[in-house]
């Protein structure tokens, strides 16, 4: 398995957003970003796992790695406080990465945390929401997983035998996903390129 940080586009100017007491507060504007590029170095079609977030971000916290919510997904930010519905995902085909092909994603240097309080949408409806924060400087890593089989995904797992049948995998032994991780310093690396497998 070959992977590594292959290119640097420059330095990211990013500072932790803190008030006078050292408490992290929300950021008005993104202050940096990291472009992630996953390159399929094999001679076959590969499939990324993960319906909403094929690339996950983690931050080193002491001896452990803490998960960073890099996008707000189906939960809106407290600032905009808009009610919207994420339809149930059923039998969604995985993302394809052709032989020699690439999958790109940009982390905007932000993280989202579940707010303690709710926000009030139009009509006075109280909604659970996420606060947007600057990501502090530190050691981070990305993680992604892939298969050689086009295993469909849903909100509750693979989606059942009908999904597998539609994908031509009914009765086929499903291989475990292979996962790859790559560390990077933030700020410091504006591009992380990983060649897999």
C-alpha atoms as a PDB file:
ATOM      1  CA  UNK A   1       0.000   0.000   0.000  1.00  0.00           C
ATOM      2  CA  UNK A   2       1.493   3.330  -1.056  1.00  0.00           C
ATOM      3  CA  UNK A   3       0.338   6.562   0.458  1.00  0.00           C
ATOM      4  CA  UNK A   4       1.776   9.807   1.647  1.00  0.00           C
ATOM      5  CA  UNK A   5       1.669  13.540   1.425  1.00  0.00           C
ATOM      6  CA  UNK A   6       2.827  14.087  -2.138  1.00  0.00           C
ATOM      7  CA  UNK A   7       2.345  17.776  -2.690  1.00  0.00           C
ATOM      8  CA  UNK A   8       2.151  21.107  -0.945  1.00  0.00           C
ATOM      9  CA  UNK A   9       0.361  24.042  -2.498  1.00  0.00           C
ATOM     10  CA  UNK A  10       1.441  26.481   0.190  1.00  0.00           C
ATOM     11  CA  UNK A  11       0.814  27.376   3.764  1.00  0.00           C
ATOM     12  CA  UNK A  12      -2.598  27.779   5.292  1.00  0.00           C
ATOM     13  CA  UNK A  13      -3.052  30.838   7.437  1.00  0.00           C
ATOM     14  CA  UNK A  14      -5.216  29.610  10.286  1.00  0.00           C
ATOM     15  CA  UNK A  15      -5.473  30.608  13.896  1.00  0.00           C
ATOM     16  CA  UNK A  16      -7.674  29.242  16.621  1.00  0.00           C
ATOM     17  CA  UNK A  17     -10.614  31.537  17.264  1.00  0.00           C
ATOM     18  CA  UNK A  18     -10.538  32.321  20.946  1.00  0.00           C
ATOM     19  CA  UNK A  19     -11.794  35.047  23.200  1.00  0.00           C
ATOM     20  CA  UNK A  20      -9.799  36.553  26.040  1.00  0.00           C
ATOM     21  CA  UNK A  21     -10.539  33.613  28.335  1.00  0.00           C
ATOM     22  CA  UNK A  22      -9.243  31.046  25.858  1.00  0.00           C
ATOM     23  CA  UNK A  23     -12.708  29.766  24.992  1.00  0.00           C
ATOM     24  CA  UNK A  24     -13.164  28.731  21.378  1.00  0.00           C
ATOM     25  CA  UNK A  25     -15.859  30.777  19.684  1.00  0.00           C
ATOM     26  CA  UNK A  26     -17.517  30.489  16.301  1.00  0.00           C
ATOM     27  CA  UNK A  27     -15.743  31.723  13.191  1.00  0.00           C
ATOM     28  CA  UNK A  28     -17.306  34.122  10.744  1.00  0.00           C
ATOM     29  CA  UNK A  29     -15.154  33.133   7.751  1.00  0.00           C
ATOM     30  CA  UNK A  30     -13.146  30.007   6.904  1.00  0.00           C
ATOM     31  CA  UNK A  31      -9.484  30.812   7.381  1.00  0.00           C
ATOM     32  CA  UNK A  32      -7.916  27.976   5.421  1.00  0.00           C
ATOM     33  CA  UNK A  33      -8.632  24.713   3.711  1.00  0.00           C
ATOM     34  CA  UNK A  34      -7.057  21.389   2.800  1.00  0.00           C
ATOM     35  CA  UNK A  35      -7.651  19.789  -0.589  1.00  0.00           C
ATOM     36  CA  UNK A  36      -7.757  15.999  -0.307  1.00  0.00           C
ATOM     37  CA  UNK A  37      -7.113  13.932  -3.419  1.00  0.00           C
ATOM     38  CA  UNK A  38      -7.482  10.146  -3.421  1.00  0.00           C
ATOM     39  CA  UNK A  39      -5.793   8.499  -6.405  1.00  0.00           C
ATOM     40  CA  UNK A  40      -6.666   4.952  -7.448  1.00  0.00           C
ATOM     41  CA  UNK A  41      -3.253   3.489  -8.236  1.00  0.00           C
ATOM     42  CA  UNK A  42      -4.603   0.045  -9.043  1.00  0.00           C
ATOM     43  CA  UNK A  43      -5.624  -1.320 -12.407  1.00  0.00           C
ATOM     44  CA  UNK A  44      -9.235  -1.888 -11.374  1.00  0.00           C
ATOM     45  CA  UNK A  45     -12.375  -0.004 -10.470  1.00  0.00           C
ATOM     46  CA  UNK A  46     -12.633   0.657  -6.725  1.00  0.00           C
ATOM     47  CA  UNK A  47     -15.561   1.843  -4.610  1.00  0.00           C
ATOM     48  CA  UNK A  48     -15.394   4.233  -1.647  1.00  0.00           C
ATOM     49  CA  UNK A  49     -17.564   3.479   1.367  1.00  0.00           C
ATOM     50  CA  UNK A  50     -19.513   6.117   3.267  1.00  0.00           C
ATOM     51  CA  UNK A  51     -22.760   7.624   2.054  1.00  0.00           C
ATOM     52  CA  UNK A  52     -22.265  11.214   3.205  1.00  0.00           C
ATOM     53  CA  UNK A  53     -18.639  11.289   4.256  1.00  0.00           C
ATOM     54  CA  UNK A  54     -16.275   8.992   2.375  1.00  0.00           C
ATOM     55  CA  UNK A  55     -13.393  11.028   3.842  1.00  0.00           C
ATOM     56  CA  UNK A  56     -13.383  11.403   7.619  1.00  0.00           C
ATOM     57  CA  UNK A  57     -11.218  13.819   9.620  1.00  0.00           C
ATOM     58  CA  UNK A  58      -9.670  13.173  13.052  1.00  0.00           C
ATOM     59  CA  UNK A  59      -7.560  15.341  15.376  1.00  0.00           C
ATOM     60  CA  UNK A  60      -4.870  14.092  17.763  1.00  0.00           C
ATOM     61  CA  UNK A  61      -6.028  14.701  21.328  1.00  0.00           C
ATOM     62  CA  UNK A  62      -3.445  13.474  23.816  1.00  0.00           C
ATOM     63  CA  UNK A  63      -2.867   9.798  23.070  1.00  0.00           C
ATOM     64  CA  UNK A  64      -6.155   9.415  21.206  1.00  0.00           C
ATOM     65  CA  UNK A  65      -7.719  10.565  17.950  1.00  0.00           C
ATOM     66  CA  UNK A  66     -10.960  12.532  18.212  1.00  0.00           C
ATOM     67  CA  UNK A  67     -13.441  12.625  15.356  1.00  0.00           C
ATOM     68  CA  UNK A  68     -13.946  16.024  13.717  1.00  0.00           C
ATOM     69  CA  UNK A  69     -17.342  16.740  12.195  1.00  0.00           C
ATOM     70  CA  UNK A  70     -16.050  18.406   9.040  1.00  0.00           C
ATOM     71  CA  UNK A  71     -19.441  19.083   7.410  1.00  0.00           C
ATOM     72  CA  UNK A  72     -22.846  19.818   8.874  1.00  0.00           C
ATOM     73  CA  UNK A  73     -24.627  17.139   6.835  1.00  0.00           C
ATOM     74  CA  UNK A  74     -28.351  16.860   7.543  1.00  0.00           C
ATOM     75  CA  UNK A  75     -28.244  19.059  10.662  1.00  0.00           C
ATOM     76  CA  UNK A  76     -28.264  22.757   9.849  1.00  0.00           C
ATOM     77  CA  UNK A  77     -26.018  25.393  11.370  1.00  0.00           C
ATOM     78  CA  UNK A  78     -27.469  27.467  14.204  1.00  0.00           C
ATOM     79  CA  UNK A  79     -26.716  30.666  12.303  1.00  0.00           C
ATOM     80  CA  UNK A  80     -28.983  29.844   9.355  1.00  0.00           C
ATOM     81  CA  UNK A  81     -31.456  27.718  11.369  1.00  0.00           C
ATOM     82  CA  UNK A  82     -33.388  26.360   8.403  1.00  0.00           C
ATOM     83  CA  UNK A  83     -35.641  23.337   8.682  1.00  0.00           C
ATOM     84  CA  UNK A  84     -34.984  20.811   5.927  1.00  0.00           C
ATOM     85  CA  UNK A  85     -35.379  17.097   5.542  1.00  0.00           C
ATOM     86  CA  UNK A  86     -32.793  14.504   4.601  1.00  0.00           C
ATOM     87  CA  UNK A  87     -34.655  11.785   2.786  1.00  0.00           C
ATOM     88  CA  UNK A  88     -33.953   8.212   3.789  1.00  0.00           C
ATOM     89  CA  UNK A  89     -31.033   6.810   1.840  1.00  0.00           C
ATOM     90  CA  UNK A  90     -31.787   3.343   0.545  1.00  0.00           C
ATOM     91  CA  UNK A  91     -29.643   1.224  -1.767  1.00  0.00           C
ATOM     92  CA  UNK A  92     -27.354   4.084  -2.712  1.00  0.00           C
ATOM     93  CA  UNK A  93     -24.584   3.036  -5.069  1.00  0.00           C
ATOM     94  CA  UNK A  94     -21.052   3.612  -3.706  1.00  0.00           C
ATOM     95  CA  UNK A  95     -18.772   6.226  -5.208  1.00  0.00           C
ATOM     96  CA  UNK A  96     -16.680   4.841  -8.047  1.00  0.00           C
ATOM     97  CA  UNK A  97     -13.003   5.637  -8.551  1.00  0.00           C
ATOM     98  CA  UNK A  98     -11.816   4.324 -11.915  1.00  0.00           C
ATOM     99  CA  UNK A  99      -8.379   2.784 -12.374  1.00  0.00           C
ATOM    100  CA  UNK A 100      -5.986   5.730 -12.381  1.00  0.00           C
ATOM    101  CA  UNK A 101      -8.880   8.014 -11.442  1.00  0.00           C
ATOM    102  CA  UNK A 102      -9.223  10.471  -8.580  1.00  0.00           C
ATOM    103  CA  UNK A 103     -11.717  11.479  -5.927  1.00  0.00           C
ATOM    104  CA  UNK A 104     -11.413  15.011  -4.580  1.00  0.00           C
ATOM    105  CA  UNK A 105     -12.804  16.636  -1.465  1.00  0.00           C
ATOM    106  CA  UNK A 106     -12.007  19.907   0.306  1.00  0.00           C
ATOM    107  CA  UNK A 107     -11.990  20.370   4.063  1.00  0.00           C
ATOM    108  CA  UNK A 108     -12.680  24.048   4.762  1.00  0.00           C
ATOM    109  CA  UNK A 109     -10.818  24.132   8.067  1.00  0.00           C
ATOM    110  CA  UNK A 110     -14.069  24.186  10.043  1.00  0.00           C
ATOM    111  CA  UNK A 111     -15.674  21.813  12.493  1.00  0.00           C
ATOM    112  CA  UNK A 112     -19.282  21.528  13.617  1.00  0.00           C
ATOM    113  CA  UNK A 113     -20.439  20.725  17.128  1.00  0.00           C
ATOM    114  CA  UNK A 114     -23.926  20.048  18.401  1.00  0.00           C
ATOM    115  CA  UNK A 115     -25.212  23.171  20.107  1.00  0.00           C
ATOM    116  CA  UNK A 116     -26.363  23.031  23.714  1.00  0.00           C
ATOM    117  CA  UNK A 117     -29.444  25.071  22.890  1.00  0.00           C
ATOM    118  CA  UNK A 118     -31.868  24.868  19.990  1.00  0.00           C
ATOM    119  CA  UNK A 119     -32.486  27.606  17.449  1.00  0.00           C
ATOM    120  CA  UNK A 120     -35.852  29.010  16.374  1.00  0.00           C
ATOM    121  CA  UNK A 121     -36.776  28.463  12.735  1.00  0.00           C
ATOM    122  CA  UNK A 122     -39.542  30.249  10.842  1.00  0.00           C
ATOM    123  CA  UNK A 123     -42.820  29.702  12.650  1.00  0.00           C
ATOM    124  CA  UNK A 124     -41.096  29.403  16.016  1.00  0.00           C
ATOM    125  CA  UNK A 125     -40.131  25.752  15.548  1.00  0.00           C
ATOM    126  CA  UNK A 126     -37.214  24.798  17.813  1.00  0.00           C
ATOM    127  CA  UNK A 127     -34.525  22.939  15.903  1.00  0.00           C
ATOM    128  CA  UNK A 128     -31.432  21.075  16.963  1.00  0.00           C
ATOM    129  CA  UNK A 129     -28.507  22.770  15.277  1.00  0.00           C
ATOM    130  CA  UNK A 130     -24.736  22.825  14.975  1.00  0.00           C
ATOM    131  CA  UNK A 131     -22.302  25.587  15.907  1.00  0.00           C
ATOM    132  CA  UNK A 132     -19.482  26.264  13.454  1.00  0.00           C
ATOM    133  CA  UNK A 133     -15.953  26.627  14.844  1.00  0.00           C
ATOM    134  CA  UNK A 134     -12.438  27.239  13.605  1.00  0.00           C
ATOM    135  CA  UNK A 135     -10.433  24.041  13.682  1.00  0.00           C
ATOM    136  CA  UNK A 136      -7.415  24.625  15.935  1.00  0.00           C
ATOM    137  CA  UNK A 137      -3.872  23.949  14.816  1.00  0.00           C
ATOM    138  CA  UNK A 138      -2.609  20.437  15.446  1.00  0.00           C
ATOM    139  CA  UNK A 139      -1.961  16.991  14.071  1.00  0.00           C
ATOM    140  CA  UNK A 140      -4.835  15.658  11.999  1.00  0.00           C
ATOM    141  CA  UNK A 141      -5.504  12.632   9.854  1.00  0.00           C
ATOM    142  CA  UNK A 142      -7.915  11.635   7.148  1.00  0.00           C
ATOM    143  CA  UNK A 143      -9.414   8.161   6.880  1.00  0.00           C
ATOM    144  CA  UNK A 144     -11.250   6.531   3.998  1.00  0.00           C
ATOM    145  CA  UNK A 145     -12.263   2.980   3.138  1.00  0.00           C
ATOM    146  CA  UNK A 146     -12.838   1.163  -0.150  1.00  0.00           C
ATOM    147  CA  UNK A 147     -13.871  -2.152  -1.698  1.00  0.00           C
ATOM    148  CA  UNK A 148     -13.535  -3.830  -5.070  1.00  0.00           C
ATOM    149  CA  UNK A 149     -17.240  -4.754  -4.865  1.00  0.00           C
ATOM    150  CA  UNK A 150     -19.985  -2.177  -5.515  1.00  0.00           C
ATOM    151  CA  UNK A 151     -21.732  -2.809  -2.190  1.00  0.00           C
ATOM    152  CA  UNK A 152     -24.804  -0.519  -1.938  1.00  0.00           C
ATOM    153  CA  UNK A 153     -25.329   1.443   1.259  1.00  0.00           C
ATOM    154  CA  UNK A 154     -28.303   2.731   3.185  1.00  0.00           C
ATOM    155  CA  UNK A 155     -29.056   4.479   6.454  1.00  0.00           C
ATOM    156  CA  UNK A 156     -29.324   1.109   8.188  1.00  0.00           C
ATOM    157  CA  UNK A 157     -26.411  -0.843   6.746  1.00  0.00           C
ATOM    158  CA  UNK A 158     -26.184  -2.502   3.361  1.00  0.00           C
ATOM    159  CA  UNK A 159     -29.925  -2.147   2.773  1.00  0.00           C
ATOM    160  CA  UNK A 160     -30.872  -5.796   2.679  1.00  0.00           C
ATOM    161  CA  UNK A 161     -30.896  -8.541   0.083  1.00  0.00           C
ATOM    162  CA  UNK A 162     -32.867  -6.514  -2.481  1.00  0.00           C
ATOM    163  CA  UNK A 163     -30.078  -3.934  -2.611  1.00  0.00           C
ATOM    164  CA  UNK A 164     -27.446  -6.633  -2.991  1.00  0.00           C
ATOM    165  CA  UNK A 165     -29.489  -8.332  -5.721  1.00  0.00           C
ATOM    166  CA  UNK A 166     -29.767  -5.060  -7.642  1.00  0.00           C
ATOM    167  CA  UNK A 167     -25.985  -4.705  -7.421  1.00  0.00           C
ATOM    168  CA  UNK A 168     -25.457  -8.296  -8.621  1.00  0.00           C
ATOM    169  CA  UNK A 169     -24.078  -9.341  -5.232  1.00  0.00           C
ATOM    170  CA  UNK A 170     -26.851 -11.569  -3.905  1.00  0.00           C
ATOM    171  CA  UNK A 171     -25.273 -14.708  -2.440  1.00  0.00           C
ATOM    172  CA  UNK A 172     -21.765 -13.316  -2.968  1.00  0.00           C
ATOM    173  CA  UNK A 173     -19.453 -13.278   0.045  1.00  0.00           C
ATOM    174  CA  UNK A 174     -18.829  -9.617   0.807  1.00  0.00           C
ATOM    175  CA  UNK A 175     -15.236  -8.639   1.359  1.00  0.00           C
ATOM    176  CA  UNK A 176     -14.326  -6.387   4.295  1.00  0.00           C
ATOM    177  CA  UNK A 177     -13.564  -2.795   3.435  1.00  0.00           C
ATOM    178  CA  UNK A 178      -9.902  -1.777   3.346  1.00  0.00           C
ATOM    179  CA  UNK A 179      -9.196   1.474   5.181  1.00  0.00           C
ATOM    180  CA  UNK A 180      -6.344   3.957   4.698  1.00  0.00           C
ATOM    181  CA  UNK A 181      -5.238   6.737   7.033  1.00  0.00           C
ATOM    182  CA  UNK A 182      -2.901   9.655   6.386  1.00  0.00           C
ATOM    183  CA  UNK A 183      -1.691  12.173   8.958  1.00  0.00           C
ATOM    184  CA  UNK A 184      -1.087  15.853   8.216  1.00  0.00           C
ATOM    185  CA  UNK A 185      -0.258  19.030  10.109  1.00  0.00           C
ATOM    186  CA  UNK A 186      -2.845  21.778  10.169  1.00  0.00           C
ATOM    187  CA  UNK A 187      -2.078  24.472   9.297  1.00  0.00           C
ATOM    188  CA  UNK A 188       0.850  23.642   7.064  1.00  0.00           C
ATOM    189  CA  UNK A 189      -0.325  21.370   4.277  1.00  0.00           C
ATOM    190  CA  UNK A 190      -2.799  22.748   1.767  1.00  0.00           C
ATOM    191  CA  UNK A 191      -3.042  19.487  -0.179  1.00  0.00           C
ATOM    192  CA  UNK A 192      -2.991  15.881   0.941  1.00  0.00           C
ATOM    193  CA  UNK A 193      -2.663  13.338  -1.877  1.00  0.00           C
ATOM    194  CA  UNK A 194      -3.076   9.645  -1.126  1.00  0.00           C
ATOM    195  CA  UNK A 195      -2.412   6.961  -3.706  1.00  0.00           C
ATOM    196  CA  UNK A 196      -4.148   3.683  -2.908  1.00  0.00           C
ATOM    197  CA  UNK A 197      -4.184   0.702  -2.583  1.00  0.00           C
END
